[in-house]
Amino acid sequence: MTRWVRCFWDEEAVCFYFELDTDGYVIRQVELQEPGSKALAAASLAEWQEAERDGRLAEYESVYGLTAEPPISEWEGHDPQWLAANEFDIVWSAARRQLQDRQRRLPS
């Protein structure tokens, strides 16, 4: 069963949003810098794996970042708040747009 959580890391003022698979591994991850919810990452494990197979990993990570590797059961010092799928999807879509817009504005 897929689950969605949000965690806030005070030290860096970053809000993390995670989509987790049945075993607690991250499928998709969003990182937002507060204040202002500046997107730092919006990575998909499936996209990351595809980029790795295609030799585009550095390009993918430079735009979208990467997902956490250990399952949630191994994380320390977090206080997850459970989310509904649509709450995650709203944040995911907004973060992806921000990162894609930022990438388009970079000089070629």
Protein backbone atom coordinates (compact mmCIF):
# COMPACT_ATOMS: atom_id res chain seq x y z
CA MET A 1 0.00 0.00 0.00
CA THR A 2 1.36 3.41 -0.98
CA ARG A 3 1.63 6.01 1.79
CA TRP A 4 2.47 9.72 1.85
CA VAL A 5 4.19 11.66 4.63
CA ARG A 6 5.59 15.09 5.37
CA CYS A 7 8.55 15.79 7.68
CA PHE A 8 10.14 19.11 8.63
CA TRP A 9 13.87 19.44 9.29
CA ASP A 10 14.37 22.49 11.53
CA GLU A 11 18.15 22.72 11.15
CA GLU A 12 17.89 23.50 7.44
CA ALA A 13 14.28 24.77 7.36
CA VAL A 14 13.38 22.13 4.77
CA CYS A 15 10.04 20.41 4.45
CA PHE A 16 10.26 16.90 2.97
CA TYR A 17 7.32 15.16 1.29
CA PHE A 18 7.60 11.43 0.58
CA GLU A 19 5.59 8.88 -1.33
CA LEU A 20 6.44 5.48 0.14
CA ASP A 21 5.92 1.96 -1.15
CA THR A 22 4.60 -0.93 0.96
CA ASP A 23 8.04 -1.56 2.48
CA GLY A 24 8.62 2.10 3.36
CA TYR A 25 11.03 2.89 0.51
CA VAL A 26 10.77 6.30 -1.17
CA ILE A 27 9.08 6.27 -4.58
CA ARG A 28 8.90 10.06 -5.00
CA GLN A 29 10.39 12.84 -2.88
CA VAL A 30 9.94 16.60 -2.71
CA GLU A 31 12.12 19.02 -0.74
CA LEU A 32 10.93 22.58 -0.12
CA GLN A 33 13.09 25.29 1.47
CA GLU A 34 11.20 27.52 3.88
CA PRO A 35 10.18 30.29 3.93
CA GLY A 36 8.58 30.52 0.52
CA SER A 37 8.48 26.83 -0.38
CA LYS A 38 11.38 27.03 -2.86
CA ALA A 39 11.66 23.62 -4.54
CA LEU A 40 15.04 22.01 -3.96
CA ALA A 41 14.12 18.55 -5.29
CA ALA A 42 11.22 16.63 -6.80
CA ALA A 43 12.68 13.24 -7.68
CA SER A 44 11.10 9.99 -8.75
CA LEU A 45 12.89 6.69 -8.12
CA ALA A 46 11.56 5.26 -11.42
CA GLU A 47 12.77 8.31 -13.37
CA TRP A 48 16.14 8.19 -11.59
CA GLN A 49 16.56 4.51 -12.50
CA GLU A 50 15.62 5.25 -16.12
CA ALA A 51 18.12 8.12 -16.26
CA GLU A 52 20.80 5.83 -14.84
CA ARG A 53 20.09 3.18 -17.51
CA ASP A 54 20.17 5.83 -20.26
CA GLY A 55 23.38 7.47 -19.05
CA ARG A 56 21.57 10.73 -18.11
CA LEU A 57 21.91 10.45 -14.33
CA ALA A 58 23.95 13.63 -13.78
CA GLU A 59 21.49 15.61 -15.91
CA TYR A 60 18.47 14.21 -14.03
CA GLU A 61 19.97 14.84 -10.58
CA SER A 62 20.98 18.40 -11.50
CA VAL A 63 17.33 19.24 -12.22
CA TYR A 64 15.29 17.00 -9.91
CA GLY A 65 17.65 15.72 -7.21
CA LEU A 66 17.37 12.17 -5.90
CA THR A 67 15.33 10.11 -3.48
CA ALA A 68 16.33 8.86 -0.03
CA GLU A 69 17.63 5.30 -0.12
CA PRO A 70 16.91 3.76 3.29
CA PRO A 71 13.34 2.80 4.15
CA ILE A 72 11.41 5.03 6.56
CA SER A 73 11.78 2.42 9.31
CA GLU A 74 15.53 3.25 9.45
CA TRP A 75 15.15 7.03 9.68
CA GLU A 76 15.98 8.82 12.91
CA GLY A 77 14.91 12.21 14.20
CA HIS A 78 11.84 12.74 12.08
CA ASP A 79 8.23 13.25 13.01
CA PRO A 80 6.19 12.22 9.97
CA GLN A 81 2.74 13.62 9.38
CA TRP A 82 0.57 11.42 7.22
CA LEU A 83 -0.89 12.97 4.06
CA ALA A 84 -3.58 12.08 1.57
CA ALA A 85 -2.48 11.24 -1.98
CA ASN A 86 -3.96 14.44 -3.40
CA GLU A 87 -2.08 16.57 -0.83
CA PHE A 88 1.19 15.01 -1.98
CA ASP A 89 0.27 15.36 -5.66
CA ILE A 90 -0.41 19.10 -5.31
CA VAL A 91 3.03 19.65 -3.74
CA TRP A 92 4.68 17.33 -6.29
CA SER A 93 3.16 19.15 -9.28
CA ALA A 94 4.09 22.60 -7.98
CA ALA A 95 7.68 21.56 -7.17
CA ARG A 96 8.16 19.92 -10.58
CA ARG A 97 6.92 23.09 -12.33
CA GLN A 98 9.31 25.23 -10.26
CA LEU A 99 12.31 23.04 -11.05
CA GLN A 100 11.46 22.79 -14.76
CA ASP A 101 10.94 26.56 -15.01
CA ARG A 102 14.26 27.17 -13.25
CA GLN A 103 16.00 24.78 -15.65
CA ARG A 104 14.50 26.54 -18.70
CA ARG A 105 15.81 29.91 -17.46
CA LEU A 106 19.41 28.69 -17.15
CA PRO A 107 21.72 29.91 -19.91
CA SER A 108 22.56 27.24 -22.50
